[in-house]
Amino acid sequence: TIPRNQTFHSKFFALLQVGFDAWEPGRKHKTYKGKPITKHFENFREEITTIAGFYEQTFDIRGRMKLRAKSISFANMEDPEFEQLYSAVADVLLENVLARYSNRAELDAVVDQVMGFL
């Protein structure tokens, strides 16, 4: 096994943070039963990971099939697969959230800038 690159792991989370900060849910109603509905980073990460194609198929208690984001822990994902995940997530973000970026190079420059602040 090749140990994972911690810096690249941090870069992945910087990429997700750029997407999360730019993402607006687009709901008309921002409350449910009188309580505010807020964005949640972990839900965002899981959904983006699933859309990127890195998921496991499971069943819920009612027997319905569910997609669950694949674990990105160091023990469960080696560097080559993590690099594929990073690239796929960047593509998903550019297509669905970060439309103002003209290309991947522009997004990578912003992520590198965010990394400089970490």
C-alpha atoms as a PDB file:
ATOM      1  CA  THR A   1       0.000   0.000   0.000  1.00  0.00           C
ATOM      2  CA  ILE A   2       1.146   3.509  -0.852  1.00  0.00           C
ATOM      3  CA  PRO A   3       0.417   5.998   1.930  1.00  0.00           C
ATOM      4  CA  ARG A   4      -1.930   8.822   0.995  1.00  0.00           C
ATOM      5  CA  ASN A   5      -0.672  12.328   0.455  1.00  0.00           C
ATOM      6  CA  GLN A   6      -1.982  14.520   3.301  1.00  0.00           C
ATOM      7  CA  THR A   7      -1.448  17.734   1.309  1.00  0.00           C
ATOM      8  CA  PHE A   8      -3.544  16.407  -1.562  1.00  0.00           C
ATOM      9  CA  HIS A   9      -6.213  15.350   0.947  1.00  0.00           C
ATOM     10  CA  SER A  10      -6.276  18.938   2.252  1.00  0.00           C
ATOM     11  CA  LYS A  11      -6.467  20.222  -1.329  1.00  0.00           C
ATOM     12  CA  PHE A  12      -9.546  18.047  -1.893  1.00  0.00           C
ATOM     13  CA  PHE A  13     -11.269  19.686   1.063  1.00  0.00           C
ATOM     14  CA  ALA A  14     -10.226  23.131  -0.184  1.00  0.00           C
ATOM     15  CA  LEU A  15     -11.851  22.241  -3.531  1.00  0.00           C
ATOM     16  CA  LEU A  16     -15.029  21.186  -1.748  1.00  0.00           C
ATOM     17  CA  GLN A  17     -15.004  24.371   0.341  1.00  0.00           C
ATOM     18  CA  VAL A  18     -14.795  26.535  -2.798  1.00  0.00           C
ATOM     19  CA  GLY A  19     -17.832  24.676  -4.176  1.00  0.00           C
ATOM     20  CA  PHE A  20     -19.744  24.767  -0.900  1.00  0.00           C
ATOM     21  CA  ASP A  21     -19.190  28.511  -0.460  1.00  0.00           C
ATOM     22  CA  ALA A  22     -20.481  29.173  -3.991  1.00  0.00           C
ATOM     23  CA  TRP A  23     -23.444  26.786  -3.786  1.00  0.00           C
ATOM     24  CA  GLU A  24     -26.924  28.104  -3.068  1.00  0.00           C
ATOM     25  CA  PRO A  25     -29.653  25.494  -2.602  1.00  0.00           C
ATOM     26  CA  GLY A  26     -32.174  27.509  -4.607  1.00  0.00           C
ATOM     27  CA  ARG A  27     -35.151  26.799  -2.379  1.00  0.00           C
ATOM     28  CA  LYS A  28     -37.970  29.301  -2.090  1.00  0.00           C
ATOM     29  CA  HIS A  29     -38.762  28.300   1.473  1.00  0.00           C
ATOM     30  CA  LYS A  30     -35.788  28.338   3.805  1.00  0.00           C
ATOM     31  CA  THR A  31     -37.678  27.023   6.815  1.00  0.00           C
ATOM     32  CA  TYR A  32     -39.383  23.770   7.756  1.00  0.00           C
ATOM     33  CA  LYS A  33     -41.971  23.721  10.541  1.00  0.00           C
ATOM     34  CA  GLY A  34     -40.758  27.149  11.606  1.00  0.00           C
ATOM     35  CA  LYS A  35     -37.089  26.159  11.842  1.00  0.00           C
ATOM     36  CA  PRO A  36     -34.434  27.435   9.440  1.00  0.00           C
ATOM     37  CA  ILE A  37     -32.946  25.070   6.864  1.00  0.00           C
ATOM     38  CA  THR A  38     -29.234  25.562   6.453  1.00  0.00           C
ATOM     39  CA  LYS A  39     -26.521  24.260   4.183  1.00  0.00           C
ATOM     40  CA  HIS A  40     -24.486  21.404   5.639  1.00  0.00           C
ATOM     41  CA  PHE A  41     -20.922  20.762   4.449  1.00  0.00           C
ATOM     42  CA  GLU A  42     -20.885  17.010   5.114  1.00  0.00           C
ATOM     43  CA  ASN A  43     -24.145  16.484   3.184  1.00  0.00           C
ATOM     44  CA  PHE A  44     -22.705  18.559   0.331  1.00  0.00           C
ATOM     45  CA  ARG A  45     -19.497  16.475   0.317  1.00  0.00           C
ATOM     46  CA  GLU A  46     -21.433  13.221   0.272  1.00  0.00           C
ATOM     47  CA  GLU A  47     -23.743  14.334  -2.535  1.00  0.00           C
ATOM     48  CA  ILE A  48     -20.926  15.662  -4.715  1.00  0.00           C
ATOM     49  CA  THR A  49     -18.957  12.439  -4.145  1.00  0.00           C
ATOM     50  CA  THR A  50     -21.974  10.364  -5.140  1.00  0.00           C
ATOM     51  CA  ILE A  51     -22.687  12.445  -8.252  1.00  0.00           C
ATOM     52  CA  ALA A  52     -19.005  12.026  -9.184  1.00  0.00           C
ATOM     53  CA  GLY A  53     -19.614   8.260  -9.259  1.00  0.00           C
ATOM     54  CA  PHE A  54     -17.868   7.262  -6.034  1.00  0.00           C
ATOM     55  CA  TYR A  55     -20.588   5.508  -4.098  1.00  0.00           C
ATOM     56  CA  GLU A  56     -21.768   2.210  -2.709  1.00  0.00           C
ATOM     57  CA  GLN A  57     -25.242   0.850  -3.259  1.00  0.00           C
ATOM     58  CA  THR A  58     -27.005  -0.053  -0.017  1.00  0.00           C
ATOM     59  CA  PHE A  59     -30.496  -0.660   1.287  1.00  0.00           C
ATOM     60  CA  ASP A  60     -32.360   1.382   3.871  1.00  0.00           C
ATOM     61  CA  ILE A  61     -34.607  -0.097   6.570  1.00  0.00           C
ATOM     62  CA  ARG A  62     -37.573  -0.119   4.181  1.00  0.00           C
ATOM     63  CA  GLY A  63     -35.669  -2.125   1.592  1.00  0.00           C
ATOM     64  CA  ARG A  64     -35.170   0.784  -0.811  1.00  0.00           C
ATOM     65  CA  MET A  65     -31.886   1.071  -2.627  1.00  0.00           C
ATOM     66  CA  LYS A  66     -29.772   4.053  -1.551  1.00  0.00           C
ATOM     67  CA  LEU A  67     -26.508   5.451  -2.786  1.00  0.00           C
ATOM     68  CA  ARG A  68     -23.948   6.166  -0.090  1.00  0.00           C
ATOM     69  CA  ALA A  69     -20.808   8.181  -0.739  1.00  0.00           C
ATOM     70  CA  LYS A  70     -17.706   6.031  -0.740  1.00  0.00           C
ATOM     71  CA  SER A  71     -15.442   6.528   2.270  1.00  0.00           C
ATOM     72  CA  ILE A  72     -12.421   8.712   1.577  1.00  0.00           C
ATOM     73  CA  SER A  73     -10.610   7.698   4.739  1.00  0.00           C
ATOM     74  CA  PHE A  74      -6.935   6.911   4.346  1.00  0.00           C
ATOM     75  CA  ALA A  75      -7.662   3.265   5.193  1.00  0.00           C
ATOM     76  CA  ASN A  76     -10.388   2.911   2.535  1.00  0.00           C
ATOM     77  CA  MET A  77      -9.030   4.769  -0.490  1.00  0.00           C
ATOM     78  CA  GLU A  78      -5.508   4.734  -1.913  1.00  0.00           C
ATOM     79  CA  ASP A  79      -3.882   7.621  -3.784  1.00  0.00           C
ATOM     80  CA  PRO A  80      -4.672   6.549  -7.378  1.00  0.00           C
ATOM     81  CA  GLU A  81      -8.403   6.249  -6.648  1.00  0.00           C
ATOM     82  CA  PHE A  82      -8.342   9.459  -4.593  1.00  0.00           C
ATOM     83  CA  GLU A  83      -6.795  11.306  -7.557  1.00  0.00           C
ATOM     84  CA  GLN A  84      -9.639  10.016  -9.754  1.00  0.00           C
ATOM     85  CA  LEU A  85     -12.138  11.194  -7.144  1.00  0.00           C
ATOM     86  CA  TYR A  86     -10.555  14.657  -7.024  1.00  0.00           C
ATOM     87  CA  SER A  87     -10.749  15.024 -10.793  1.00  0.00           C
ATOM     88  CA  ALA A  88     -14.340  13.764 -10.976  1.00  0.00           C
ATOM     89  CA  VAL A  89     -15.447  16.054  -8.131  1.00  0.00           C
ATOM     90  CA  ALA A  90     -13.804  19.052  -9.837  1.00  0.00           C
ATOM     91  CA  ASP A  91     -15.739  18.212 -13.016  1.00  0.00           C
ATOM     92  CA  VAL A  92     -19.037  17.879 -11.100  1.00  0.00           C
ATOM     93  CA  LEU A  93     -18.477  21.195  -9.339  1.00  0.00           C
ATOM     94  CA  LEU A  94     -17.634  22.979 -12.588  1.00  0.00           C
ATOM     95  CA  GLU A  95     -20.746  21.572 -14.255  1.00  0.00           C
ATOM     96  CA  ASN A  96     -23.242  22.014 -11.416  1.00  0.00           C
ATOM     97  CA  VAL A  97     -22.031  24.706  -9.032  1.00  0.00           C
ATOM     98  CA  LEU A  98     -19.115  26.722 -10.347  1.00  0.00           C
ATOM     99  CA  ALA A  99     -20.431  27.794 -13.736  1.00  0.00           C
ATOM    100  CA  ARG A 100     -18.658  31.152 -13.438  1.00  0.00           C
ATOM    101  CA  TYR A 101     -15.281  29.446 -13.820  1.00  0.00           C
ATOM    102  CA  SER A 102     -14.321  29.124 -17.454  1.00  0.00           C
ATOM    103  CA  ASN A 103     -12.124  26.037 -17.085  1.00  0.00           C
ATOM    104  CA  ARG A 104     -10.380  23.600 -14.769  1.00  0.00           C
ATOM    105  CA  ALA A 105      -7.141  25.618 -14.692  1.00  0.00           C
ATOM    106  CA  GLU A 106      -9.000  28.620 -13.287  1.00  0.00           C
ATOM    107  CA  LEU A 107     -10.596  26.449 -10.594  1.00  0.00           C
ATOM    108  CA  ASP A 108      -7.235  24.872  -9.716  1.00  0.00           C
ATOM    109  CA  ALA A 109      -5.708  28.347  -9.308  1.00  0.00           C
ATOM    110  CA  VAL A 110      -8.462  29.328  -6.853  1.00  0.00           C
ATOM    111  CA  VAL A 111      -8.045  26.088  -4.902  1.00  0.00           C
ATOM    112  CA  ASP A 112      -4.285  26.648  -4.715  1.00  0.00           C
ATOM    113  CA  GLN A 113      -4.941  30.152  -3.420  1.00  0.00           C
ATOM    114  CA  VAL A 114      -7.290  28.774  -0.746  1.00  0.00           C
ATOM    115  CA  MET A 115      -4.620  26.209   0.174  1.00  0.00           C
ATOM    116  CA  GLY A 116      -2.232  29.102   0.824  1.00  0.00           C
ATOM    117  CA  PHE A 117      -4.572  30.332   3.563  1.00  0.00           C
ATOM    118  CA  LEU A 118      -4.823  26.962   5.325  1.00  0.00           C
END
